[in-house]
Amino acid sequence: MKGKKLSISLIVVLCALGINSAHAVRISLMGIGTYANYAISDTTSVTPRGSYGGGLWFTFPFGRVVALDLGANYLQNQIGISSAVLNYTYVNFPALLTFSFLKFFPIYAGGYYSLALSTATTVGSITTTATTGLKNDYGFEGGAGFRIPLGSKLKLRIDGLYQYGMANISSGSATQYSRSLLGQIGIMF
């Protein structure tokens, strides 16, 4: 909850700075596909699986080359372990410095904080959902993207991001760290 309040406060402060129209805040609505894997300390065999989500991003330009991207994403990560499928659901708050040395090809570097919402375990046709005992995640995030102009103020935004989790999100004896590849596509206005 503290991370969520901090992210919202930072967005409000940056919006209130009165950035001129040439450096106006840009908003992006994104559809997100995730391909998650987890580094687990025991001999558990993990099968990465694809999943989906969506997000809202705010881009605060600080000149032509550098910007700050702040996001709020609803994401799910799925992995297969033995005969079960685990589905982690969380709200993800990335904070990325964006470098656009080439006009339509940004590079991202920063971090993220993920607020755990629930975990569901499916074995056969039986699904069990837990909302307690969950651990939040944080880590490094980076990637690159494309911005394709669709008009004077509208762009198609395509990003590829990698998240390297630093928090042990396991409640058991084994350690478990998230490793996620995200593909995002959306509209920036």
N, C-alpha and C. Protein backbone atom coordinates (compact mmCIF):
# COMPACT_ATOMS: atom_id res chain seq x y z
N MET A 1 0.82 -1.19 0.00
CA MET A 1 0.00 0.00 0.00
C MET A 1 0.87 1.26 0.00
N LYS A 2 2.00 1.20 0.71
CA LYS A 2 2.90 2.33 0.77
C LYS A 2 3.47 2.65 -0.61
N GLY A 3 3.84 1.61 -1.39
CA GLY A 3 4.36 1.81 -2.74
C GLY A 3 3.33 2.44 -3.66
N LYS A 4 2.06 2.05 -3.51
CA LYS A 4 0.98 2.57 -4.33
C LYS A 4 0.79 4.06 -4.03
N LYS A 5 0.77 4.43 -2.74
CA LYS A 5 0.61 5.84 -2.37
C LYS A 5 1.77 6.68 -2.87
N LEU A 6 2.99 6.14 -2.78
CA LEU A 6 4.17 6.85 -3.25
C LEU A 6 4.09 7.08 -4.75
N SER A 7 3.69 6.07 -5.52
CA SER A 7 3.58 6.20 -6.98
C SER A 7 2.54 7.25 -7.36
N ILE A 8 1.38 7.21 -6.71
CA ILE A 8 0.31 8.17 -7.00
C ILE A 8 0.77 9.58 -6.64
N SER A 9 1.43 9.75 -5.49
CA SER A 9 1.92 11.06 -5.07
C SER A 9 2.93 11.62 -6.06
N LEU A 10 3.84 10.77 -6.54
CA LEU A 10 4.85 11.20 -7.51
C LEU A 10 4.21 11.65 -8.81
N ILE A 11 3.20 10.94 -9.27
CA ILE A 11 2.49 11.32 -10.50
C ILE A 11 1.82 12.68 -10.33
N VAL A 12 1.15 12.90 -9.20
CA VAL A 12 0.46 14.17 -8.96
C VAL A 12 1.46 15.32 -8.92
N VAL A 13 2.59 15.14 -8.23
CA VAL A 13 3.61 16.20 -8.13
C VAL A 13 4.16 16.53 -9.50
N LEU A 14 4.51 15.51 -10.29
CA LEU A 14 5.07 15.77 -11.61
C LEU A 14 4.06 16.44 -12.55
N CYS A 15 2.79 16.08 -12.43
CA CYS A 15 1.75 16.73 -13.25
C CYS A 15 1.59 18.19 -12.87
N ALA A 16 1.82 18.51 -11.60
CA ALA A 16 1.64 19.87 -11.11
C ALA A 16 2.82 20.78 -11.42
N LEU A 17 3.89 20.27 -11.99
CA LEU A 17 5.08 21.08 -12.27
C LEU A 17 4.87 22.12 -13.36
N GLY A 18 3.80 22.01 -14.10
CA GLY A 18 3.52 23.00 -15.15
C GLY A 18 4.45 22.87 -16.34
N ILE A 19 4.69 21.66 -16.80
CA ILE A 19 5.55 21.41 -17.94
C ILE A 19 4.89 22.04 -19.19
N ASN A 20 5.67 22.77 -20.00
CA ASN A 20 5.08 23.44 -21.16
C ASN A 20 4.58 22.42 -22.19
N SER A 21 3.81 22.88 -23.17
CA SER A 21 3.15 21.96 -24.10
C SER A 21 4.13 21.13 -24.92
N ALA A 22 5.34 21.65 -25.18
CA ALA A 22 6.33 20.87 -25.92
C ALA A 22 6.81 19.68 -25.10
N HIS A 23 6.67 19.77 -23.80
CA HIS A 23 7.10 18.70 -22.90
C HIS A 23 5.91 18.22 -22.07
N ALA A 24 4.75 18.15 -22.68
CA ALA A 24 3.54 17.75 -21.98
C ALA A 24 3.58 16.27 -21.58
N VAL A 25 2.90 15.96 -20.51
CA VAL A 25 2.80 14.58 -20.05
C VAL A 25 2.04 13.78 -21.10
N ARG A 26 2.56 12.60 -21.44
CA ARG A 26 1.91 11.71 -22.40
C ARG A 26 1.30 10.55 -21.62
N ILE A 27 0.16 10.08 -22.04
CA ILE A 27 -0.54 8.96 -21.40
C ILE A 27 -0.61 7.81 -22.39
N SER A 28 -0.37 6.59 -21.89
CA SER A 28 -0.45 5.39 -22.73
C SER A 28 -1.38 4.37 -22.10
N LEU A 29 -2.26 3.80 -22.91
CA LEU A 29 -3.10 2.68 -22.50
C LEU A 29 -2.53 1.44 -23.17
N MET A 30 -2.16 0.44 -22.35
CA MET A 30 -1.39 -0.69 -22.86
C MET A 30 -2.08 -2.03 -22.62
N GLY A 31 -1.98 -2.91 -23.59
CA GLY A 31 -2.27 -4.32 -23.42
C GLY A 31 -0.94 -5.02 -23.22
N ILE A 32 -0.87 -5.96 -22.28
CA ILE A 32 0.42 -6.55 -21.92
C ILE A 32 0.34 -8.07 -21.97
N GLY A 33 1.31 -8.68 -22.61
CA GLY A 33 1.48 -10.12 -22.58
C GLY A 33 2.71 -10.44 -21.75
N THR A 34 2.62 -11.42 -20.86
CA THR A 34 3.77 -11.77 -20.01
C THR A 34 4.18 -13.21 -20.27
N TYR A 35 5.46 -13.45 -20.15
CA TYR A 35 6.02 -14.79 -20.22
C TYR A 35 6.92 -14.91 -18.99
N ALA A 36 6.42 -15.59 -17.98
CA ALA A 36 7.08 -15.60 -16.67
C ALA A 36 7.86 -16.88 -16.45
N ASN A 37 8.97 -16.72 -15.75
CA ASN A 37 9.76 -17.83 -15.27
C ASN A 37 10.18 -17.49 -13.85
N TYR A 38 10.54 -18.46 -13.08
CA TYR A 38 10.94 -18.23 -11.70
C TYR A 38 12.21 -19.00 -11.40
N ALA A 39 13.14 -18.34 -10.72
CA ALA A 39 14.35 -19.00 -10.25
C ALA A 39 14.03 -19.59 -8.88
N ILE A 40 13.98 -20.92 -8.79
CA ILE A 40 13.62 -21.60 -7.55
C ILE A 40 14.83 -22.39 -7.08
N SER A 41 15.11 -22.32 -5.76
CA SER A 41 16.35 -22.88 -5.23
C SER A 41 16.38 -24.40 -5.16
N ASP A 42 15.24 -25.06 -5.05
CA ASP A 42 15.28 -26.52 -4.98
C ASP A 42 15.25 -27.11 -6.39
N THR A 43 14.99 -28.36 -6.54
CA THR A 43 15.06 -29.02 -7.85
C THR A 43 13.73 -29.00 -8.59
N THR A 44 12.82 -28.15 -8.19
CA THR A 44 11.52 -28.06 -8.84
C THR A 44 11.67 -27.69 -10.31
N SER A 45 11.02 -28.44 -11.18
CA SER A 45 11.03 -28.16 -12.60
C SER A 45 9.93 -27.14 -12.92
N VAL A 46 10.31 -26.00 -13.45
CA VAL A 46 9.38 -24.92 -13.74
C VAL A 46 9.19 -24.82 -15.25
N THR A 47 7.93 -24.73 -15.68
CA THR A 47 7.61 -24.54 -17.09
C THR A 47 7.02 -23.15 -17.26
N PRO A 48 7.71 -22.25 -17.94
CA PRO A 48 7.15 -20.91 -18.17
C PRO A 48 5.88 -20.98 -19.01
N ARG A 49 4.96 -20.07 -18.73
CA ARG A 49 3.70 -20.00 -19.48
C ARG A 49 3.38 -18.55 -19.77
N GLY A 50 2.65 -18.31 -20.82
CA GLY A 50 2.24 -16.97 -21.18
C GLY A 50 0.97 -16.56 -20.46
N SER A 51 0.79 -15.27 -20.28
CA SER A 51 -0.40 -14.73 -19.65
C SER A 51 -0.65 -13.31 -20.18
N TYR A 52 -1.47 -12.53 -19.51
CA TYR A 52 -1.89 -11.24 -20.04
C TYR A 52 -2.11 -10.23 -18.92
N GLY A 53 -2.35 -8.99 -19.32
CA GLY A 53 -2.66 -7.92 -18.38
C GLY A 53 -2.92 -6.64 -19.14
N GLY A 54 -2.95 -5.54 -18.41
CA GLY A 54 -3.18 -4.24 -19.02
C GLY A 54 -2.61 -3.16 -18.12
N GLY A 55 -2.40 -1.97 -18.68
CA GLY A 55 -1.81 -0.93 -17.86
C GLY A 55 -2.05 0.47 -18.35
N LEU A 56 -1.75 1.41 -17.47
CA LEU A 56 -1.83 2.83 -17.73
C LEU A 56 -0.46 3.42 -17.41
N TRP A 57 0.13 4.13 -18.37
CA TRP A 57 1.47 4.69 -18.22
C TRP A 57 1.42 6.21 -18.39
N PHE A 58 2.27 6.91 -17.62
CA PHE A 58 2.44 8.35 -17.74
C PHE A 58 3.90 8.61 -18.10
N THR A 59 4.14 9.37 -19.16
CA THR A 59 5.48 9.71 -19.60
C THR A 59 5.70 11.20 -19.37
N PHE A 60 6.74 11.52 -18.58
CA PHE A 60 7.09 12.90 -18.25
C PHE A 60 8.41 13.24 -18.94
N PRO A 61 8.36 13.97 -20.07
CA PRO A 61 9.60 14.30 -20.79
C PRO A 61 10.41 15.37 -20.05
N PHE A 62 11.72 15.22 -20.08
CA PHE A 62 12.65 16.21 -19.52
C PHE A 62 13.63 16.59 -20.62
N GLY A 63 13.11 17.13 -21.69
CA GLY A 63 13.93 17.44 -22.86
C GLY A 63 13.61 16.46 -23.98
N ARG A 64 14.43 16.49 -25.04
CA ARG A 64 14.17 15.65 -26.20
C ARG A 64 14.60 14.20 -25.99
N VAL A 65 15.60 13.96 -25.14
CA VAL A 65 16.19 12.64 -25.04
C VAL A 65 15.71 11.85 -23.81
N VAL A 66 15.50 12.50 -22.68
CA VAL A 66 15.22 11.80 -21.42
C VAL A 66 13.78 12.04 -20.96
N ALA A 67 13.16 10.98 -20.44
CA ALA A 67 11.81 11.07 -19.87
C ALA A 67 11.72 10.10 -18.69
N LEU A 68 10.70 10.29 -17.89
CA LEU A 68 10.39 9.37 -16.80
C LEU A 68 9.06 8.71 -17.13
N ASP A 69 9.05 7.38 -17.17
CA ASP A 69 7.83 6.62 -17.40
C ASP A 69 7.40 5.99 -16.09
N LEU A 70 6.17 6.29 -15.66
CA LEU A 70 5.58 5.69 -14.47
C LEU A 70 4.34 4.93 -14.90
N GLY A 71 4.19 3.70 -14.43
CA GLY A 71 3.07 2.88 -14.85
C GLY A 71 2.34 2.24 -13.68
N ALA A 72 1.15 1.81 -13.97
CA ALA A 72 0.35 0.99 -13.06
C ALA A 72 -0.25 -0.12 -13.93
N ASN A 73 0.20 -1.35 -13.73
CA ASN A 73 -0.20 -2.48 -14.56
C ASN A 73 -0.89 -3.55 -13.73
N TYR A 74 -1.95 -4.12 -14.28
CA TYR A 74 -2.57 -5.32 -13.70
C TYR A 74 -2.00 -6.49 -14.48
N LEU A 75 -1.27 -7.37 -13.79
CA LEU A 75 -0.59 -8.46 -14.48
C LEU A 75 -0.86 -9.80 -13.82
N GLN A 76 -0.72 -10.84 -14.63
CA GLN A 76 -0.77 -12.22 -14.15
C GLN A 76 0.45 -12.93 -14.69
N ASN A 77 1.09 -13.70 -13.83
CA ASN A 77 2.19 -14.57 -14.26
C ASN A 77 1.78 -16.00 -14.03
N GLN A 78 1.92 -16.84 -15.04
CA GLN A 78 1.60 -18.26 -14.91
C GLN A 78 2.85 -19.09 -15.11
N ILE A 79 2.99 -20.11 -14.27
CA ILE A 79 4.06 -21.09 -14.45
C ILE A 79 3.50 -22.47 -14.16
N GLY A 80 4.09 -23.46 -14.76
CA GLY A 80 3.72 -24.85 -14.49
C GLY A 80 4.77 -25.47 -13.59
N ILE A 81 4.32 -26.14 -12.53
CA ILE A 81 5.21 -26.88 -11.62
C ILE A 81 4.60 -28.27 -11.46
N SER A 82 5.34 -29.27 -11.89
CA SER A 82 4.85 -30.66 -11.87
C SER A 82 3.51 -30.72 -12.58
N SER A 83 2.45 -31.16 -11.91
CA SER A 83 1.13 -31.28 -12.55
C SER A 83 0.24 -30.09 -12.24
N ALA A 84 0.78 -29.02 -11.64
CA ALA A 84 -0.02 -27.85 -11.25
C ALA A 84 0.34 -26.64 -12.10
N VAL A 85 -0.59 -25.70 -12.18
CA VAL A 85 -0.36 -24.40 -12.80
C VAL A 85 -0.56 -23.35 -11.71
N LEU A 86 0.47 -22.52 -11.51
CA LEU A 86 0.38 -21.42 -10.55
C LEU A 86 0.13 -20.13 -11.30
N ASN A 87 -0.81 -19.33 -10.82
CA ASN A 87 -1.16 -18.05 -11.43
C ASN A 87 -1.03 -16.97 -10.37
N TYR A 88 0.00 -16.13 -10.50
CA TYR A 88 0.21 -15.01 -9.58
C TYR A 88 -0.42 -13.77 -10.18
N THR A 89 -1.29 -13.09 -9.43
CA THR A 89 -1.94 -11.86 -9.88
C THR A 89 -1.45 -10.72 -9.01
N TYR A 90 -1.06 -9.61 -9.65
CA TYR A 90 -0.56 -8.48 -8.88
C TYR A 90 -0.71 -7.18 -9.65
N VAL A 91 -0.58 -6.07 -8.92
CA VAL A 91 -0.51 -4.74 -9.54
C VAL A 91 0.96 -4.34 -9.51
N ASN A 92 1.46 -3.97 -10.65
CA ASN A 92 2.87 -3.68 -10.86
C ASN A 92 3.06 -2.19 -11.10
N PHE A 93 4.02 -1.58 -10.38
CA PHE A 93 4.30 -0.15 -10.51
C PHE A 93 5.73 0.06 -11.00
N PRO A 94 5.96 0.15 -12.32
CA PRO A 94 7.30 0.41 -12.83
C PRO A 94 7.62 1.91 -12.80
N ALA A 95 8.88 2.23 -12.60
CA ALA A 95 9.41 3.59 -12.71
C ALA A 95 10.68 3.48 -13.56
N LEU A 96 10.60 3.98 -14.79
CA LEU A 96 11.69 3.78 -15.75
C LEU A 96 12.18 5.10 -16.32
N LEU A 97 13.49 5.26 -16.37
CA LEU A 97 14.06 6.35 -17.14
C LEU A 97 14.05 5.92 -18.60
N THR A 98 13.62 6.82 -19.45
CA THR A 98 13.51 6.52 -20.87
C THR A 98 14.51 7.39 -21.62
N PHE A 99 15.33 6.74 -22.44
CA PHE A 99 16.32 7.44 -23.24
C PHE A 99 15.98 7.24 -24.71
N SER A 100 15.71 8.34 -25.41
CA SER A 100 15.35 8.28 -26.83
C SER A 100 16.45 8.95 -27.65
N PHE A 101 17.57 8.26 -27.77
CA PHE A 101 18.67 8.78 -28.58
C PHE A 101 18.29 8.79 -30.06
N LEU A 102 17.47 7.83 -30.46
CA LEU A 102 16.87 7.80 -31.79
C LEU A 102 15.39 8.10 -31.60
N LYS A 103 14.82 8.94 -32.42
CA LYS A 103 13.49 9.51 -32.20
C LYS A 103 12.39 8.50 -31.88
N PHE A 104 12.32 7.38 -32.57
CA PHE A 104 11.21 6.46 -32.40
C PHE A 104 11.60 5.15 -31.68
N PHE A 105 12.81 5.10 -31.08
CA PHE A 105 13.30 3.89 -30.45
C PHE A 105 13.79 4.15 -29.03
N PRO A 106 12.88 4.17 -28.04
CA PRO A 106 13.30 4.42 -26.66
C PRO A 106 13.97 3.20 -26.02
N ILE A 107 14.86 3.47 -25.08
CA ILE A 107 15.49 2.45 -24.24
C ILE A 107 15.09 2.75 -22.81
N TYR A 108 14.71 1.71 -22.05
CA TYR A 108 14.21 1.88 -20.68
C TYR A 108 15.16 1.25 -19.67
N ALA A 109 15.29 1.91 -18.51
CA ALA A 109 16.06 1.35 -17.40
C ALA A 109 15.48 1.88 -16.10
N GLY A 110 15.26 0.97 -15.14
CA GLY A 110 14.70 1.41 -13.86
C GLY A 110 14.36 0.24 -12.98
N GLY A 111 13.27 0.39 -12.26
CA GLY A 111 12.86 -0.64 -11.34
C GLY A 111 11.35 -0.76 -11.27
N TYR A 112 10.89 -1.70 -10.46
CA TYR A 112 9.45 -1.90 -10.29
C TYR A 112 9.16 -2.38 -8.87
N TYR A 113 7.91 -2.20 -8.47
CA TYR A 113 7.40 -2.75 -7.22
C TYR A 113 6.08 -3.41 -7.56
N SER A 114 5.89 -4.64 -7.13
CA SER A 114 4.65 -5.37 -7.43
C SER A 114 3.92 -5.69 -6.14
N LEU A 115 2.66 -5.31 -6.10
CA LEU A 115 1.78 -5.55 -4.96
C LEU A 115 0.98 -6.82 -5.23
N ALA A 116 1.23 -7.87 -4.46
CA ALA A 116 0.57 -9.17 -4.67
C ALA A 116 -0.92 -9.07 -4.32
N LEU A 117 -1.77 -9.58 -5.23
CA LEU A 117 -3.21 -9.60 -4.99
C LEU A 117 -3.71 -11.00 -4.62
N SER A 118 -3.29 -11.99 -5.40
CA SER A 118 -3.73 -13.36 -5.14
C SER A 118 -2.83 -14.34 -5.86
N THR A 119 -2.94 -15.59 -5.45
CA THR A 119 -2.29 -16.67 -6.17
C THR A 119 -3.31 -17.80 -6.31
N ALA A 120 -3.35 -18.41 -7.46
CA ALA A 120 -4.28 -19.51 -7.71
C ALA A 120 -3.47 -20.73 -8.16
N THR A 121 -3.82 -21.88 -7.61
CA THR A 121 -3.17 -23.13 -7.99
C THR A 121 -4.21 -24.03 -8.63
N THR A 122 -3.94 -24.50 -9.83
CA THR A 122 -4.86 -25.39 -10.53
C THR A 122 -4.20 -26.75 -10.71
N VAL A 123 -4.86 -27.79 -10.20
CA VAL A 123 -4.43 -29.18 -10.40
C VAL A 123 -5.61 -29.89 -11.03
N GLY A 124 -5.43 -30.34 -12.28
CA GLY A 124 -6.54 -30.95 -13.01
C GLY A 124 -7.60 -29.89 -13.26
N SER A 125 -8.82 -30.13 -12.76
CA SER A 125 -9.90 -29.17 -12.94
C SER A 125 -10.22 -28.42 -11.64
N ILE A 126 -9.39 -28.57 -10.61
CA ILE A 126 -9.63 -27.93 -9.31
C ILE A 126 -8.68 -26.75 -9.14
N THR A 127 -9.26 -25.57 -8.86
CA THR A 127 -8.47 -24.36 -8.64
C THR A 127 -8.67 -23.88 -7.21
N THR A 128 -7.56 -23.60 -6.54
CA THR A 128 -7.58 -23.07 -5.18
C THR A 128 -6.95 -21.68 -5.22
N THR A 129 -7.65 -20.68 -4.67
CA THR A 129 -7.15 -19.31 -4.67
C THR A 129 -6.81 -18.87 -3.26
N ALA A 130 -5.67 -18.19 -3.10
CA ALA A 130 -5.25 -17.67 -1.80
C ALA A 130 -5.03 -16.16 -1.92
N THR A 131 -5.48 -15.42 -0.90
CA THR A 131 -5.25 -13.98 -0.86
C THR A 131 -4.48 -13.58 0.40
N THR A 132 -4.03 -14.55 1.18
CA THR A 132 -3.26 -14.24 2.38
C THR A 132 -1.89 -14.90 2.27
N GLY A 133 -0.94 -14.40 3.03
CA GLY A 133 0.40 -14.96 3.02
C GLY A 133 1.18 -14.67 1.76
N LEU A 134 0.73 -13.70 0.98
CA LEU A 134 1.40 -13.36 -0.28
C LEU A 134 2.54 -12.39 -0.01
N LYS A 135 3.56 -12.45 -0.85
CA LYS A 135 4.71 -11.56 -0.71
C LYS A 135 4.81 -10.65 -1.92
N ASN A 136 5.04 -9.37 -1.65
CA ASN A 136 5.23 -8.40 -2.72
C ASN A 136 6.61 -8.57 -3.33
N ASP A 137 6.78 -8.04 -4.53
CA ASP A 137 8.02 -8.21 -5.27
C ASP A 137 8.56 -6.84 -5.66
N TYR A 138 9.85 -6.78 -5.87
CA TYR A 138 10.51 -5.58 -6.40
C TYR A 138 11.75 -6.03 -7.15
N GLY A 139 12.23 -5.16 -8.03
CA GLY A 139 13.42 -5.54 -8.77
C GLY A 139 13.77 -4.54 -9.85
N PHE A 140 14.63 -4.97 -10.75
CA PHE A 140 15.11 -4.15 -11.86
C PHE A 140 14.28 -4.43 -13.10
N GLU A 141 14.15 -3.40 -13.93
CA GLU A 141 13.40 -3.55 -15.19
C GLU A 141 14.10 -2.76 -16.28
N GLY A 142 14.14 -3.32 -17.47
CA GLY A 142 14.74 -2.64 -18.60
C GLY A 142 14.21 -3.18 -19.90
N GLY A 143 14.47 -2.45 -20.97
CA GLY A 143 14.00 -2.91 -22.27
C GLY A 143 14.14 -1.85 -23.33
N ALA A 144 13.40 -2.04 -24.41
CA ALA A 144 13.42 -1.13 -25.55
C ALA A 144 12.04 -1.12 -26.20
N GLY A 145 11.82 -0.15 -27.07
CA GLY A 145 10.51 -0.06 -27.70
C GLY A 145 10.55 0.65 -29.04
N PHE A 146 9.35 0.78 -29.62
CA PHE A 146 9.13 1.51 -30.87
C PHE A 146 7.97 2.46 -30.64
N ARG A 147 8.04 3.62 -31.23
CA ARG A 147 6.93 4.58 -31.21
C ARG A 147 6.62 4.92 -32.66
N ILE A 148 5.45 4.52 -33.12
CA ILE A 148 5.06 4.73 -34.51
C ILE A 148 4.01 5.83 -34.56
N PRO A 149 4.32 6.99 -35.18
CA PRO A 149 3.36 8.09 -35.24
C PRO A 149 2.10 7.70 -36.01
N LEU A 150 0.94 8.03 -35.44
CA LEU A 150 -0.35 7.80 -36.09
C LEU A 150 -1.05 9.12 -36.38
N GLY A 151 -0.42 10.21 -36.06
CA GLY A 151 -0.96 11.56 -36.23
C GLY A 151 -0.06 12.52 -35.48
N SER A 152 -0.51 13.77 -35.36
CA SER A 152 0.35 14.77 -34.71
C SER A 152 0.53 14.51 -33.22
N LYS A 153 -0.45 13.95 -32.54
CA LYS A 153 -0.36 13.72 -31.10
C LYS A 153 -0.53 12.25 -30.70
N LEU A 154 -0.78 11.38 -31.64
CA LEU A 154 -1.08 9.98 -31.34
C LEU A 154 0.03 9.06 -31.85
N LYS A 155 0.42 8.10 -31.02
CA LYS A 155 1.46 7.14 -31.42
C LYS A 155 1.05 5.73 -31.03
N LEU A 156 1.48 4.78 -31.83
CA LEU A 156 1.39 3.37 -31.46
C LEU A 156 2.66 3.07 -30.68
N ARG A 157 2.50 2.52 -29.47
CA ARG A 157 3.64 2.24 -28.59
C ARG A 157 3.80 0.73 -28.47
N ILE A 158 4.99 0.24 -28.77
CA ILE A 158 5.31 -1.19 -28.66
C ILE A 158 6.58 -1.30 -27.83
N ASP A 159 6.51 -2.05 -26.73
CA ASP A 159 7.66 -2.18 -25.82
C ASP A 159 7.94 -3.65 -25.53
N GLY A 160 9.21 -3.95 -25.36
CA GLY A 160 9.65 -5.24 -24.84
C GLY A 160 10.44 -4.98 -23.57
N LEU A 161 10.00 -5.54 -22.45
CA LEU A 161 10.63 -5.28 -21.15
C LEU A 161 10.98 -6.58 -20.45
N TYR A 162 12.01 -6.53 -19.62
CA TYR A 162 12.41 -7.67 -18.81
C TYR A 162 12.46 -7.24 -17.35
N GLN A 163 11.82 -8.03 -16.48
CA GLN A 163 11.83 -7.76 -15.04
C GLN A 163 12.65 -8.83 -14.34
N TYR A 164 13.58 -8.37 -13.52
CA TYR A 164 14.47 -9.24 -12.75
C TYR A 164 14.15 -9.04 -11.28
N GLY A 165 13.37 -9.96 -10.70
CA GLY A 165 12.92 -9.83 -9.32
C GLY A 165 14.03 -10.03 -8.31
N MET A 166 14.01 -9.20 -7.27
CA MET A 166 15.02 -9.27 -6.21
C MET A 166 14.46 -9.78 -4.89
N ALA A 167 13.13 -9.90 -4.76
CA ALA A 167 12.51 -10.34 -3.51
C ALA A 167 12.19 -11.83 -3.58
N ASN A 168 12.43 -12.53 -2.48
CA ASN A 168 12.03 -13.93 -2.38
C ASN A 168 10.52 -13.95 -2.15
N ILE A 169 9.76 -14.41 -3.13
CA ILE A 169 8.30 -14.38 -3.02
C ILE A 169 7.73 -15.71 -2.53
N SER A 170 8.60 -16.64 -2.15
CA SER A 170 8.14 -17.94 -1.66
C SER A 170 7.82 -17.86 -0.17
N SER A 171 6.75 -18.51 0.22
CA SER A 171 6.42 -18.60 1.65
C SER A 171 6.89 -19.94 2.22
N GLY A 172 7.48 -20.78 1.37
CA GLY A 172 7.98 -22.09 1.80
C GLY A 172 9.47 -22.06 2.08
N SER A 173 10.06 -23.24 2.14
CA SER A 173 11.49 -23.33 2.45
C SER A 173 12.38 -23.01 1.24
N ALA A 174 11.88 -23.20 0.05
CA ALA A 174 12.65 -22.89 -1.16
C ALA A 174 12.60 -21.39 -1.44
N THR A 175 13.64 -20.86 -2.05
CA THR A 175 13.59 -19.46 -2.47
C THR A 175 13.05 -19.39 -3.88
N GLN A 176 12.32 -18.31 -4.17
CA GLN A 176 11.67 -18.16 -5.47
C GLN A 176 11.74 -16.70 -5.89
N TYR A 177 12.37 -16.45 -7.04
CA TYR A 177 12.54 -15.09 -7.56
C TYR A 177 11.92 -15.01 -8.95
N SER A 178 11.18 -13.93 -9.20
CA SER A 178 10.50 -13.79 -10.49
C SER A 178 11.46 -13.31 -11.58
N ARG A 179 11.21 -13.79 -12.77
CA ARG A 179 11.91 -13.38 -13.99
C ARG A 179 10.83 -13.31 -15.07
N SER A 180 10.50 -12.10 -15.53
CA SER A 180 9.38 -11.95 -16.46
C SER A 180 9.78 -11.17 -17.70
N LEU A 181 9.30 -11.64 -18.82
CA LEU A 181 9.42 -10.94 -20.08
C LEU A 181 8.05 -10.39 -20.41
N LEU A 182 7.97 -9.09 -20.68
CA LEU A 182 6.69 -8.43 -20.98
C LEU A 182 6.72 -7.84 -22.37
N GLY A 183 5.66 -8.06 -23.10
CA GLY A 183 5.45 -7.40 -24.39
C GLY A 183 4.25 -6.49 -24.25
N GLN A 184 4.41 -5.22 -24.57
CA GLN A 184 3.31 -4.25 -24.42
C GLN A 184 3.00 -3.61 -25.77
N ILE A 185 1.73 -3.40 -26.01
CA ILE A 185 1.32 -2.66 -27.20
C ILE A 185 0.13 -1.80 -26.80
N GLY A 186 0.15 -0.56 -27.27
CA GLY A 186 -0.94 0.34 -26.90
C GLY A 186 -0.86 1.66 -27.63
N ILE A 187 -1.71 2.56 -27.18
CA ILE A 187 -1.83 3.88 -27.78
C ILE A 187 -1.28 4.93 -26.81
N MET A 188 -0.42 5.78 -27.31
CA MET A 188 0.14 6.90 -26.53
C MET A 188 -0.45 8.20 -27.08
N PHE A 189 -1.01 8.99 -26.19
CA PHE A 189 -1.57 10.27 -26.63
C PHE A 189 -1.15 11.39 -25.71
